[in-house]
Amino acid sequence: MTSPDPDPESTTGLEPGGGVPPGETPPGEASTAASPQKEPEARGAAFNKIAAGIVIGVGVLAAAYFIAYLAGILG
């Protein structure tokens, strides 16, 4: 089994001092691109308004419950 980190002195393509000349380094990633993923369809403005309404409604109910608890209305 060979070492995954070879001795830099015996590695081909190295310049004196350990530098690598242009063209010796492999590309950072493959040069061929895979087919792009399909973008998800955007939801309409109505969905955003409904979602915001639900979030605001839950927040108002939680605040009302907390205020009622502090006021002593709820046990």
C-alpha atoms as a PDB file:
ATOM      1  CA  MET A   1       0.000   0.000   0.000  1.00  0.00           C
ATOM      2  CA  THR A   2       1.372   3.417  -0.924  1.00  0.00           C
ATOM      3  CA  SER A   3       1.278   6.497   1.193  1.00  0.00           C
ATOM      4  CA  PRO A   4      -1.535   8.910   0.263  1.00  0.00           C
ATOM      5  CA  ASP A   5       0.882  11.805   0.794  1.00  0.00           C
ATOM      6  CA  PRO A   6       3.979  11.123  -1.372  1.00  0.00           C
ATOM      7  CA  ASP A   7       7.371  12.631  -0.689  1.00  0.00           C
ATOM      8  CA  PRO A   8       7.452  16.083  -2.348  1.00  0.00           C
ATOM      9  CA  GLU A   9      11.095  15.574  -3.360  1.00  0.00           C
ATOM     10  CA  SER A  10      10.160  12.697  -5.688  1.00  0.00           C
ATOM     11  CA  THR A  11       6.874  14.086  -7.018  1.00  0.00           C
ATOM     12  CA  THR A  12       6.999  14.846 -10.732  1.00  0.00           C
ATOM     13  CA  GLY A  13       6.277  18.317 -12.030  1.00  0.00           C
ATOM     14  CA  LEU A  14       7.635  20.231  -9.055  1.00  0.00           C
ATOM     15  CA  GLU A  15       9.988  23.132  -9.572  1.00  0.00           C
ATOM     16  CA  PRO A  16      12.866  23.752  -7.189  1.00  0.00           C
ATOM     17  CA  GLY A  17      11.411  25.092  -3.965  1.00  0.00           C
ATOM     18  CA  GLY A  18       8.160  23.144  -4.296  1.00  0.00           C
ATOM     19  CA  GLY A  19       6.315  25.359  -6.798  1.00  0.00           C
ATOM     20  CA  VAL A  20       4.223  23.880  -9.580  1.00  0.00           C
ATOM     21  CA  PRO A  21       4.572  25.179 -13.139  1.00  0.00           C
ATOM     22  CA  PRO A  22       1.420  26.242 -15.009  1.00  0.00           C
ATOM     23  CA  GLY A  23      -0.317  23.344 -16.696  1.00  0.00           C
ATOM     24  CA  GLU A  24       0.887  20.749 -14.172  1.00  0.00           C
ATOM     25  CA  THR A  25      -1.966  21.081 -11.714  1.00  0.00           C
ATOM     26  CA  PRO A  26      -5.160  19.225 -12.506  1.00  0.00           C
ATOM     27  CA  PRO A  27      -8.362  21.244 -12.854  1.00  0.00           C
ATOM     28  CA  GLY A  28     -10.279  21.903  -9.676  1.00  0.00           C
ATOM     29  CA  GLU A  29     -13.362  20.170 -11.007  1.00  0.00           C
ATOM     30  CA  ALA A  30     -14.501  18.257 -14.044  1.00  0.00           C
ATOM     31  CA  SER A  31     -14.651  20.268 -17.235  1.00  0.00           C
ATOM     32  CA  THR A  32     -17.919  18.713 -18.338  1.00  0.00           C
ATOM     33  CA  ALA A  33     -21.010  19.940 -16.601  1.00  0.00           C
ATOM     34  CA  ALA A  34     -23.854  17.689 -15.612  1.00  0.00           C
ATOM     35  CA  SER A  35     -27.319  18.603 -16.713  1.00  0.00           C
ATOM     36  CA  PRO A  36     -28.623  21.404 -14.494  1.00  0.00           C
ATOM     37  CA  GLN A  37     -31.287  20.622 -11.968  1.00  0.00           C
ATOM     38  CA  LYS A  38     -34.762  21.837 -12.753  1.00  0.00           C
ATOM     39  CA  GLU A  39     -35.665  24.954 -10.798  1.00  0.00           C
ATOM     40  CA  PRO A  40     -38.689  24.534  -8.523  1.00  0.00           C
ATOM     41  CA  GLU A  41     -41.757  26.425  -9.619  1.00  0.00           C
ATOM     42  CA  ALA A  42     -42.294  29.687  -7.768  1.00  0.00           C
ATOM     43  CA  ARG A  43     -45.390  29.913  -5.635  1.00  0.00           C
ATOM     44  CA  GLY A  44     -47.833  32.711  -6.226  1.00  0.00           C
ATOM     45  CA  ALA A  45     -48.404  35.840  -4.194  1.00  0.00           C
ATOM     46  CA  ALA A  46     -51.591  34.353  -2.731  1.00  0.00           C
ATOM     47  CA  PHE A  47     -49.604  31.535  -1.111  1.00  0.00           C
ATOM     48  CA  ASN A  48     -47.217  34.055   0.457  1.00  0.00           C
ATOM     49  CA  LYS A  49     -50.103  36.106   1.865  1.00  0.00           C
ATOM     50  CA  ILE A  50     -51.791  33.013   3.310  1.00  0.00           C
ATOM     51  CA  ALA A  51     -48.539  31.793   4.886  1.00  0.00           C
ATOM     52  CA  ALA A  52     -47.832  35.227   6.372  1.00  0.00           C
ATOM     53  CA  GLY A  53     -51.391  35.390   7.723  1.00  0.00           C
ATOM     54  CA  ILE A  54     -51.026  32.019   9.420  1.00  0.00           C
ATOM     55  CA  VAL A  55     -47.714  33.001  11.020  1.00  0.00           C
ATOM     56  CA  ILE A  56     -49.090  36.345  12.211  1.00  0.00           C
ATOM     57  CA  GLY A  57     -52.276  34.675  13.482  1.00  0.00           C
ATOM     58  CA  VAL A  58     -50.346  32.133  15.535  1.00  0.00           C
ATOM     59  CA  GLY A  59     -48.194  34.932  16.936  1.00  0.00           C
ATOM     60  CA  VAL A  60     -51.248  36.982  17.933  1.00  0.00           C
ATOM     61  CA  LEU A  61     -52.879  33.958  19.593  1.00  0.00           C
ATOM     62  CA  ALA A  62     -49.686  33.186  21.521  1.00  0.00           C
ATOM     63  CA  ALA A  63     -49.373  36.812  22.659  1.00  0.00           C
ATOM     64  CA  ALA A  64     -53.054  36.912  23.713  1.00  0.00           C
ATOM     65  CA  TYR A  65     -52.639  33.690  25.708  1.00  0.00           C
ATOM     66  CA  PHE A  66     -49.516  35.051  27.422  1.00  0.00           C
ATOM     67  CA  ILE A  67     -51.220  38.357  28.281  1.00  0.00           C
ATOM     68  CA  ALA A  68     -54.304  36.537  29.605  1.00  0.00           C
ATOM     69  CA  TYR A  69     -52.080  34.286  31.712  1.00  0.00           C
ATOM     70  CA  LEU A  70     -50.277  37.309  33.175  1.00  0.00           C
ATOM     71  CA  ALA A  71     -53.583  39.061  33.871  1.00  0.00           C
ATOM     72  CA  GLY A  72     -54.824  36.032  35.805  1.00  0.00           C
ATOM     73  CA  ILE A  73     -57.731  35.246  33.502  1.00  0.00           C
ATOM     74  CA  LEU A  74     -56.319  31.811  32.748  1.00  0.00           C
ATOM     75  CA  GLY A  75     -55.547  29.445  35.628  1.00  0.00           C
END
